[in-house]
C-alpha atoms as a PDB file:
ATOM      1  CA  MET A   1      28.115 205.634 260.373  1.00  0.00           C
ATOM      2  CA  ILE A   2      30.049 206.017 257.132  1.00  0.00           C
ATOM      3  CA  THR A   3      26.897 205.426 255.065  1.00  0.00           C
ATOM      4  CA  SER A   4      24.657 207.787 257.043  1.00  0.00           C
ATOM      5  CA  ASN A   5      23.383 211.162 255.875  1.00  0.00           C
ATOM      6  CA  PRO A   6      24.903 213.780 258.206  1.00  0.00           C
ATOM      7  CA  PHE A   7      22.407 216.425 257.112  1.00  0.00           C
ATOM      8  CA  ALA A   8      19.353 214.404 258.192  1.00  0.00           C
ATOM      9  CA  GLU A   9      19.924 215.026 261.906  1.00  0.00           C
ATOM     10  CA  LEU A  10      20.730 218.660 261.143  1.00  0.00           C
ATOM     11  CA  ALA A  11      17.321 219.055 259.457  1.00  0.00           C
ATOM     12  CA  ALA A  12      15.632 218.770 262.863  1.00  0.00           C
ATOM     13  CA  PHE A  13      17.170 222.117 263.840  1.00  0.00           C
ATOM     14  CA  ILE A  14      17.803 223.858 260.525  1.00  0.00           C
ATOM     15  CA  PRO A  15      15.085 223.853 257.825  1.00  0.00           C
ATOM     16  CA  PRO A  16      16.162 222.043 254.632  1.00  0.00           C
ATOM     17  CA  ALA A  17      15.252 225.176 252.656  1.00  0.00           C
ATOM     18  CA  ALA A  18      17.829 227.145 254.642  1.00  0.00           C
ATOM     19  CA  MET A  19      20.523 224.556 253.849  1.00  0.00           C
ATOM     20  CA  GLN A  20      19.566 224.651 250.165  1.00  0.00           C
ATOM     21  CA  TRP A  21      19.750 228.438 250.058  1.00  0.00           C
ATOM     22  CA  TYR A  22      23.186 228.235 251.675  1.00  0.00           C
ATOM     23  CA  VAL A  23      24.382 225.975 248.845  1.00  0.00           C
ATOM     24  CA  VAL A  24      22.966 228.396 246.265  1.00  0.00           C
ATOM     25  CA  LEU A  25      24.713 231.287 248.022  1.00  0.00           C
ATOM     26  CA  MET A  26      28.047 229.443 247.909  1.00  0.00           C
ATOM     27  CA  VAL A  27      27.634 228.861 244.165  1.00  0.00           C
ATOM     28  CA  ILE A  28      26.953 232.565 243.674  1.00  0.00           C
ATOM     29  CA  LEU A  29      30.013 233.487 245.737  1.00  0.00           C
ATOM     30  CA  VAL A  30      32.230 231.181 243.667  1.00  0.00           C
ATOM     31  CA  ALA A  31      30.897 232.648 240.411  1.00  0.00           C
ATOM     32  CA  ALA A  32      31.276 236.220 241.654  1.00  0.00           C
ATOM     33  CA  GLY A  33      34.776 235.591 242.992  1.00  0.00           C
ATOM     34  CA  THR A  34      35.882 233.967 239.739  1.00  0.00           C
ATOM     35  CA  ILE A  35      34.508 236.834 237.650  1.00  0.00           C
ATOM     36  CA  LEU A  36      36.196 239.413 239.878  1.00  0.00           C
ATOM     37  CA  ASP A  37      39.448 237.461 239.657  1.00  0.00           C
ATOM     38  CA  MET A  38      39.193 237.414 235.859  1.00  0.00           C
ATOM     39  CA  MET A  39      38.544 241.147 235.794  1.00  0.00           C
ATOM     40  CA  HIS A  40      41.424 241.900 238.146  1.00  0.00           C
ATOM     41  CA  LYS A  41      43.980 239.655 236.424  1.00  0.00           C
ATOM     42  CA  ARG A  42      42.462 240.186 232.967  1.00  0.00           C
ATOM     43  CA  SER A  43      42.666 236.439 232.419  1.00  0.00           C
ATOM     44  CA  ALA A  44      39.934 236.313 229.769  1.00  0.00           C
ATOM     45  CA  THR A  45      41.494 239.256 227.924  1.00  0.00           C
ATOM     46  CA  TYR A  46      44.848 237.502 227.963  1.00  0.00           C
ATOM     47  CA  PHE A  47      43.417 234.275 226.554  1.00  0.00           C
ATOM     48  CA  PHE A  48      41.566 236.086 223.740  1.00  0.00           C
ATOM     49  CA  GLU A  49      44.575 238.216 222.816  1.00  0.00           C
ATOM     50  CA  ASN A  50      46.869 235.203 222.969  1.00  0.00           C
ATOM     51  CA  ALA A  51      44.493 233.256 220.709  1.00  0.00           C
ATOM     52  CA  LYS A  52      44.461 236.089 218.148  1.00  0.00           C
ATOM     53  CA  LYS A  53      48.255 236.291 218.234  1.00  0.00           C
ATOM     54  CA  ALA A  54      48.469 232.531 217.714  1.00  0.00           C
ATOM     55  CA  GLU A  55      46.181 232.743 214.680  1.00  0.00           C
ATOM     56  CA  LYS A  56      48.484 235.303 213.071  1.00  0.00           C
ATOM     57  CA  ASN A  57      51.590 233.197 213.709  1.00  0.00           C
ATOM     58  CA  ALA A  58      50.013 229.853 212.786  1.00  0.00           C
ATOM     59  CA  THR A  59      51.661 227.882 210.004  1.00  0.00           C
ATOM     60  CA  ARG A  60      48.705 225.561 209.412  1.00  0.00           C
ATOM     61  CA  THR A  61      44.959 225.496 209.945  1.00  0.00           C
ATOM     62  CA  VAL A  62      43.595 223.170 212.633  1.00  0.00           C
ATOM     63  CA  SER A  63      40.346 221.505 211.605  1.00  0.00           C
ATOM     64  CA  GLY A  64      37.271 221.278 213.814  1.00  0.00           C
ATOM     65  CA  GLY A  65      37.777 217.549 214.283  1.00  0.00           C
ATOM     66  CA  GLU A  66      41.377 218.075 215.374  1.00  0.00           C
ATOM     67  CA  LYS A  67      40.281 220.779 217.824  1.00  0.00           C
ATOM     68  CA  PHE A  68      37.751 218.358 219.303  1.00  0.00           C
ATOM     69  CA  SER A  69      40.482 215.728 219.608  1.00  0.00           C
ATOM     70  CA  LEU A  70      42.754 218.230 221.375  1.00  0.00           C
ATOM     71  CA  ALA A  71      39.926 219.123 223.759  1.00  0.00           C
ATOM     72  CA  MET A  72      39.401 215.431 224.578  1.00  0.00           C
ATOM     73  CA  GLN A  73      43.146 214.990 225.146  1.00  0.00           C
ATOM     74  CA  THR A  74      43.120 217.977 227.496  1.00  0.00           C
ATOM     75  CA  ILE A  75      40.184 216.576 229.447  1.00  0.00           C
ATOM     76  CA  GLY A  76      41.769 213.132 229.616  1.00  0.00           C
ATOM     77  CA  LYS A  77      45.250 214.244 230.680  1.00  0.00           C
ATOM     78  CA  GLU A  78      45.206 217.668 232.343  1.00  0.00           C
ATOM     79  CA  VAL A  79      41.694 217.481 233.832  1.00  0.00           C
ATOM     80  CA  ILE A  80      40.845 213.875 234.731  1.00  0.00           C
ATOM     81  CA  THR A  81      44.296 212.432 235.445  1.00  0.00           C
ATOM     82  CA  SER A  82      46.361 215.598 236.205  1.00  0.00           C
ATOM     83  CA  GLY A  83      49.029 214.450 233.780  1.00  0.00           C
ATOM     84  CA  GLU A  84      50.768 217.842 233.823  1.00  0.00           C
ATOM     85  CA  PHE A  85      52.400 216.911 237.145  1.00  0.00           C
ATOM     86  CA  LYS A  86      55.693 215.175 236.480  1.00  0.00           C
ATOM     87  CA  ASN A  87      56.308 214.379 240.141  1.00  0.00           C
ATOM     88  CA  PRO A  88      54.305 211.170 240.821  1.00  0.00           C
ATOM     89  CA  LYS A  89      53.805 212.037 244.504  1.00  0.00           C
ATOM     90  CA  ARG A  90      52.503 215.512 243.669  1.00  0.00           C
ATOM     91  CA  ARG A  91      50.233 214.041 241.030  1.00  0.00           C
ATOM     92  CA  ALA A  92      48.803 211.411 243.384  1.00  0.00           C
ATOM     93  CA  SER A  93      48.239 214.002 246.103  1.00  0.00           C
ATOM     94  CA  HIS A  94      46.478 216.289 243.640  1.00  0.00           C
ATOM     95  CA  LEU A  95      44.237 213.481 242.365  1.00  0.00           C
ATOM     96  CA  PHE A  96      43.153 212.496 245.883  1.00  0.00           C
ATOM     97  CA  THR A  97      42.451 216.145 246.691  1.00  0.00           C
ATOM     98  CA  MET A  98      40.720 217.053 243.436  1.00  0.00           C
ATOM     99  CA  TRP A  99      38.462 214.020 243.125  1.00  0.00           C
ATOM    100  CA  GLY A 100      37.774 213.992 246.855  1.00  0.00           C
ATOM    101  CA  PHE A 101      36.634 217.610 246.617  1.00  0.00           C
ATOM    102  CA  ILE A 102      34.412 216.933 243.592  1.00  0.00           C
ATOM    103  CA  VAL A 103      32.787 213.855 245.140  1.00  0.00           C
ATOM    104  CA  PHE A 104      32.323 215.630 248.478  1.00  0.00           C
ATOM    105  CA  VAL A 105      30.718 218.745 246.966  1.00  0.00           C
ATOM    106  CA  VAL A 106      28.458 216.839 244.566  1.00  0.00           C
ATOM    107  CA  SER A 107      27.292 214.374 247.229  1.00  0.00           C
ATOM    108  CA  SER A 108      26.670 217.263 249.657  1.00  0.00           C
ATOM    109  CA  ALA A 109      24.433 218.964 247.101  1.00  0.00           C
ATOM    110  CA  VAL A 110      22.549 215.731 246.374  1.00  0.00           C
ATOM    111  CA  LEU A 111      22.018 215.005 250.087  1.00  0.00           C
ATOM    112  CA  ILE A 112      20.826 218.532 250.835  1.00  0.00           C
ATOM    113  CA  PHE A 113      18.498 218.878 247.857  1.00  0.00           C
ATOM    114  CA  SER A 114      17.244 215.289 247.450  1.00  0.00           C
ATOM    115  CA  TYR A 115      17.571 213.596 250.859  1.00  0.00           C
ATOM    116  CA  PRO A 116      17.600 216.400 253.475  1.00  0.00           C
ATOM    117  CA  THR A 117      15.599 214.439 256.074  1.00  0.00           C
ATOM    118  CA  GLU A 118      16.499 210.820 255.234  1.00  0.00           C
ATOM    119  CA  PRO A 119      19.159 209.262 257.521  1.00  0.00           C
ATOM    120  CA  ALA A 120      19.833 206.526 254.955  1.00  0.00           C
ATOM    121  CA  ALA A 121      20.446 208.127 251.571  1.00  0.00           C
ATOM    122  CA  GLY A 122      21.786 205.123 249.734  1.00  0.00           C
ATOM    123  CA  VAL A 123      25.228 205.435 248.212  1.00  0.00           C
ATOM    124  CA  TRP A 124      25.335 209.235 248.606  1.00  0.00           C
ATOM    125  CA  GLY A 125      26.097 209.107 252.313  1.00  0.00           C
ATOM    126  CA  LEU A 126      28.999 206.757 251.613  1.00  0.00           C
ATOM    127  CA  LEU A 127      30.292 208.998 248.826  1.00  0.00           C
ATOM    128  CA  TRP A 128      30.085 212.033 251.130  1.00  0.00           C
ATOM    129  CA  HIS A 129      32.327 210.377 253.720  1.00  0.00           C
ATOM    130  CA  LEU A 130      34.726 208.872 251.166  1.00  0.00           C
ATOM    131  CA  GLY A 131      35.026 212.238 249.428  1.00  0.00           C
ATOM    132  CA  ALA A 132      35.853 213.974 252.700  1.00  0.00           C
ATOM    133  CA  LEU A 133      38.425 211.297 253.585  1.00  0.00           C
ATOM    134  CA  SER A 134      40.046 211.468 250.132  1.00  0.00           C
ATOM    135  CA  LEU A 135      40.156 215.271 250.305  1.00  0.00           C
ATOM    136  CA  ALA A 136      41.740 215.200 253.764  1.00  0.00           C
ATOM    137  CA  PHE A 137      44.258 212.510 252.792  1.00  0.00           C
ATOM    138  CA  GLY A 138      45.418 214.300 249.647  1.00  0.00           C
ATOM    139  CA  GLY A 139      45.422 217.692 251.346  1.00  0.00           C
ATOM    140  CA  TYR A 140      47.467 216.643 254.365  1.00  0.00           C
ATOM    141  CA  TRP A 141      49.836 214.682 252.136  1.00  0.00           C
ATOM    142  CA  PHE A 142      50.451 217.868 250.154  1.00  0.00           C
ATOM    143  CA  TRP A 143      50.717 220.070 253.232  1.00  0.00           C
ATOM    144  CA  PHE A 144      53.191 218.063 255.296  1.00  0.00           C
ATOM    145  CA  PHE A 145      55.239 216.226 252.654  1.00  0.00           C
ATOM    146  CA  ILE A 146      55.152 218.371 249.502  1.00  0.00           C
ATOM    147  CA  ARG A 147      54.433 222.021 250.262  1.00  0.00           C
ATOM    148  CA  VAL A 148      56.410 222.209 253.470  1.00  0.00           C
ATOM    149  CA  ASP A 149      60.045 221.236 253.024  1.00  0.00           C
ATOM    150  CA  VAL A 150      61.904 222.464 256.075  1.00  0.00           C
ATOM    151  CA  ASN A 151      65.120 220.807 254.964  1.00  0.00           C
ATOM    152  CA  CYS A 152      65.195 222.641 251.629  1.00  0.00           C
ATOM    153  CA  GLU A 153      63.294 225.850 252.240  1.00  0.00           C
ATOM    154  CA  GLY A 154      63.483 226.422 255.977  1.00  0.00           C
ATOM    155  CA  ARG A 155      59.708 226.925 256.213  1.00  0.00           C
ATOM    156  CA  ARG A 156      57.722 225.445 259.075  1.00  0.00           C
ATOM    157  CA  TRP A 157      54.315 223.845 258.603  1.00  0.00           C
ATOM    158  CA  TYR A 158      52.629 226.583 260.614  1.00  0.00           C
ATOM    159  CA  GLN A 159      54.065 229.489 258.562  1.00  0.00           C
ATOM    160  CA  LEU A 160      51.103 230.663 256.505  1.00  0.00           C
ATOM    161  CA  VAL A 161      50.819 233.095 253.608  1.00  0.00           C
ATOM    162  CA  ARG A 162      47.762 234.277 251.697  1.00  0.00           C
ATOM    163  CA  ALA A 163      48.397 231.677 249.000  1.00  0.00           C
ATOM    164  CA  ASP A 164      47.700 228.992 251.623  1.00  0.00           C
ATOM    165  CA  LEU A 165      44.116 230.193 252.126  1.00  0.00           C
ATOM    166  CA  PHE A 166      42.773 227.715 249.581  1.00  0.00           C
ATOM    167  CA  ILE A 167      44.427 224.556 250.913  1.00  0.00           C
ATOM    168  CA  VAL A 168      43.936 225.495 254.574  1.00  0.00           C
ATOM    169  CA  SER A 169      40.202 226.080 254.122  1.00  0.00           C
ATOM    170  CA  LEU A 170      39.964 222.833 252.138  1.00  0.00           C
ATOM    171  CA  LEU A 171      41.630 220.925 254.947  1.00  0.00           C
ATOM    172  CA  GLY A 172      39.423 222.614 257.531  1.00  0.00           C
ATOM    173  CA  MET A 173      36.271 221.756 255.591  1.00  0.00           C
ATOM    174  CA  SER A 174      37.123 218.069 255.147  1.00  0.00           C
ATOM    175  CA  THR A 175      38.536 217.583 258.638  1.00  0.00           C
ATOM    176  CA  PHE A 176      35.660 219.210 260.502  1.00  0.00           C
ATOM    177  CA  ALA A 177      33.132 217.473 258.239  1.00  0.00           C
ATOM    178  CA  ILE A 178      34.488 214.078 259.294  1.00  0.00           C
ATOM    179  CA  LEU A 179      34.667 215.045 262.974  1.00  0.00           C
ATOM    180  CA  TRP A 180      31.134 216.496 262.835  1.00  0.00           C
ATOM    181  CA  SER A 181      29.780 213.278 261.362  1.00  0.00           C
ATOM    182  CA  LEU A 182      31.507 211.167 264.009  1.00  0.00           C
ATOM    183  CA  THR A 183      30.275 213.267 266.947  1.00  0.00           C
ATOM    184  CA  GLN A 184      26.732 214.132 265.875  1.00  0.00           C
ATOM    185  CA  GLY A 185      24.248 214.429 268.726  1.00  0.00           C
ATOM    186  CA  THR A 186      26.802 215.804 271.180  1.00  0.00           C
ATOM    187  CA  ALA A 187      27.900 219.279 272.201  1.00  0.00           C
ATOM    188  CA  LEU A 188      31.247 218.567 270.569  1.00  0.00           C
ATOM    189  CA  GLY A 189      29.419 217.694 267.373  1.00  0.00           C
ATOM    190  CA  TRP A 190      27.857 221.168 267.248  1.00  0.00           C
ATOM    191  CA  LEU A 191      31.295 222.717 267.729  1.00  0.00           C
ATOM    192  CA  PHE A 192      32.701 220.720 264.816  1.00  0.00           C
ATOM    193  CA  PHE A 193      29.677 221.645 262.696  1.00  0.00           C
ATOM    194  CA  ALA A 194      30.264 225.342 263.389  1.00  0.00           C
ATOM    195  CA  LEU A 195      33.919 224.950 262.412  1.00  0.00           C
ATOM    196  CA  PHE A 196      32.923 222.989 259.310  1.00  0.00           C
ATOM    197  CA  LEU A 197      30.506 225.760 258.327  1.00  0.00           C
ATOM    198  CA  ALA A 198      33.146 228.433 258.931  1.00  0.00           C
ATOM    199  CA  ALA A 199      35.772 226.604 256.853  1.00  0.00           C
ATOM    200  CA  THR A 200      33.310 225.939 254.023  1.00  0.00           C
ATOM    201  CA  THR A 201      32.155 229.552 253.930  1.00  0.00           C
ATOM    202  CA  THR A 202      35.765 230.740 253.947  1.00  0.00           C
ATOM    203  CA  LEU A 203      36.628 228.438 251.040  1.00  0.00           C
ATOM    204  CA  PHE A 204      33.797 229.576 248.785  1.00  0.00           C
ATOM    205  CA  ALA A 205      33.667 233.225 249.870  1.00  0.00           C
ATOM    206  CA  THR A 206      37.375 233.967 249.372  1.00  0.00           C
ATOM    207  CA  VAL A 207      37.769 232.851 245.753  1.00  0.00           C
ATOM    208  CA  TYR A 208      38.998 236.319 244.800  1.00  0.00           C
ATOM    209  CA  TRP A 209      41.914 236.088 247.275  1.00  0.00           C
ATOM    210  CA  SER A 210      42.708 232.371 247.007  1.00  0.00           C
ATOM    211  CA  LYS A 211      43.794 229.921 244.319  1.00  0.00           C
ATOM    212  CA  PHE A 212      40.282 228.553 243.830  1.00  0.00           C
ATOM    213  CA  ALA A 213      39.752 230.311 240.491  1.00  0.00           C
ATOM    214  CA  HIS A 214      42.826 228.691 238.955  1.00  0.00           C
ATOM    215  CA  MET A 215      40.907 225.406 238.733  1.00  0.00           C
ATOM    216  CA  PHE A 216      38.813 226.971 235.978  1.00  0.00           C
ATOM    217  CA  PHE A 217      41.761 228.533 234.131  1.00  0.00           C
ATOM    218  CA  LYS A 218      44.070 225.512 233.997  1.00  0.00           C
ATOM    219  CA  PRO A 219      42.026 223.460 231.484  1.00  0.00           C
ATOM    220  CA  ALA A 220      41.649 226.491 229.198  1.00  0.00           C
ATOM    221  CA  ALA A 221      45.378 227.222 229.363  1.00  0.00           C
ATOM    222  CA  ALA A 222      46.248 223.569 228.709  1.00  0.00           C
ATOM    223  CA  TYR A 223      43.948 223.433 225.675  1.00  0.00           C
ATOM    224  CA  GLN A 224      45.363 226.686 224.297  1.00  0.00           C
ATOM    225  CA  LYS A 225      48.883 225.299 224.647  1.00  0.00           C
ATOM    226  CA  ARG A 226      47.965 222.144 222.723  1.00  0.00           C
ATOM    227  CA  LEU A 227      46.278 224.233 220.032  1.00  0.00           C
ATOM    228  CA  THR A 228      49.313 226.466 219.506  1.00  0.00           C
ATOM    229  CA  ARG A 229      51.506 223.400 219.115  1.00  0.00           C
ATOM    230  CA  ALA A 230      49.112 221.951 216.567  1.00  0.00           C
ATOM    231  CA  ASP A 231      48.857 225.119 214.444  1.00  0.00           C
ATOM    232  CA  GLY A 232      52.602 225.771 214.512  1.00  0.00           C
ATOM    233  CA  SER A 233      52.528 229.082 216.381  1.00  0.00           C
ATOM    234  CA  ALA A 234      53.955 227.387 219.489  1.00  0.00           C
ATOM    235  CA  GLU A 235      53.247 230.510 221.584  1.00  0.00           C
ATOM    236  CA  ASN A 236      56.110 232.211 219.695  1.00  0.00           C
ATOM    237  CA  LEU A 237      58.588 229.853 221.364  1.00  0.00           C
ATOM    238  CA  PRO A 238      61.293 227.747 219.680  1.00  0.00           C
ATOM    239  CA  THR A 239      60.131 224.324 218.578  1.00  0.00           C
ATOM    240  CA  LEU A 240      61.358 221.155 220.255  1.00  0.00           C
ATOM    241  CA  THR A 241      64.026 220.585 217.617  1.00  0.00           C
ATOM    242  CA  ARG A 242      67.152 222.488 216.650  1.00  0.00           C
ATOM    243  CA  ASP A 243      67.482 220.808 213.277  1.00  0.00           C
ATOM    244  CA  ASP A 244      66.014 223.942 211.701  1.00  0.00           C
ATOM    245  CA  PRO A 245      68.814 226.545 211.285  1.00  0.00           C
ATOM    246  CA  GLU A 246      66.286 229.332 211.854  1.00  0.00           C
ATOM    247  CA  GLN A 247      65.399 227.888 215.267  1.00  0.00           C
ATOM    248  CA  GLN A 248      69.069 227.581 216.163  1.00  0.00           C
ATOM    249  CA  GLN A 249      69.651 231.280 215.536  1.00  0.00           C
ATOM    250  CA  ARG A 250      66.710 232.288 217.746  1.00  0.00           C
ATOM    251  CA  HIS A 251      68.543 231.231 220.918  1.00  0.00           C
ATOM    252  CA  SER A 252      69.579 234.256 222.949  1.00  0.00           C
ATOM    253  CA  MET A 253      72.894 232.698 224.032  1.00  0.00           C
ATOM    254  CA  GLU A 254      75.332 232.099 221.212  1.00  0.00           C
ATOM    255  CA  LEU A 255      77.106 229.310 223.110  1.00  0.00           C
ATOM    256  CA  LEU A 256      73.884 227.278 223.201  1.00  0.00           C
ATOM    257  CA  ARG A 257      72.796 227.706 219.597  1.00  0.00           C
ATOM    258  CA  ASP A 258      74.504 224.482 218.506  1.00  0.00           C
ATOM    259  CA  ALA A 259      73.859 222.621 221.766  1.00  0.00           C
ATOM    260  CA  PRO A 260      71.728 219.453 221.697  1.00  0.00           C
ATOM    261  CA  MET A 261      68.209 219.585 223.074  1.00  0.00           C
ATOM    262  CA  ASP A 262      68.974 216.902 225.671  1.00  0.00           C
ATOM    263  CA  MET A 263      71.763 218.422 227.740  1.00  0.00           C
ATOM    264  CA  GLY A 264      71.469 216.002 230.646  1.00  0.00           C
ATOM    265  CA  LYS A 265      69.440 216.021 233.816  1.00  0.00           C
ATOM    266  CA  GLY A 266      71.194 219.045 235.302  1.00  0.00           C
ATOM    267  CA  ILE A 267      69.588 220.055 238.588  1.00  0.00           C
ATOM    268  CA  GLN A 268      67.276 217.044 238.352  1.00  0.00           C
ATOM    269  CA  ARG A 269      70.122 214.681 239.185  1.00  0.00           C
ATOM    270  CA  GLU A 270      69.123 214.797 242.853  1.00  0.00           C
ATOM    271  CA  GLU A 271      66.387 216.126 245.047  1.00  0.00           C
ATOM    272  CA  PRO A 272      67.059 219.615 246.507  1.00  0.00           C
ATOM    273  CA  ASN A 273      68.635 219.052 249.910  1.00  0.00           C
ATOM    274  CA  HIS A 274      70.916 221.966 250.658  1.00  0.00           C
ATOM    275  CA  TYR A 275      69.170 224.335 253.049  1.00  0.00           C
END
């Protein structure tokens, strides 16, 4: 079952061309939603203006080879391994969710375009199921043990806001995909397929209102941050040392101008537990 192609049985009722056009439509919706989000938030304008400001404040010139190295570091840390997350549980949850989503989407496209009528599609059927399971595992881990903290925030798991649209539709897509695959050939299977289709359409059609677009902005922002550190502009922020008298005087609070950089763990001494 876990190695089967769930779309092969579906092809007896829905033409493969229709499934392929649906995938194309989802890609168009993601692109359109991302562009609209960039226009609304002026994300691209911000990045270009920030880059120009950094060039003016730069204290050294970054070579092309160094820029390539910074790009590779960004891909290796912020993109592939999600190294920006300091909380190991949050990082692990994100990795399961992110890579599960990528494997699930890619294997879905391969199955629909290359093996739409073949029940046994080699490793792609296995990857489809493993991607869905990884996505569900990471998503539910985030939802019940990271996002929702009743003890600290007083929020219940069923209290939804618009920001939850992305993760809820992700969970719906992966959950109903697994249930649809397990119950194919039954009336219940068609119900789960309809719910899977609804969740998938919601995910890709609501990019403008969800957090989907941020997946494309994060790598660019991470690279820009590395670049500003390399050229000395540091986004017009104080450097990580107070040995320089000029940096000491830039602090807005006079009491902290001579304070050491490492002032102790502060609020990180314990987990928040005071609701």
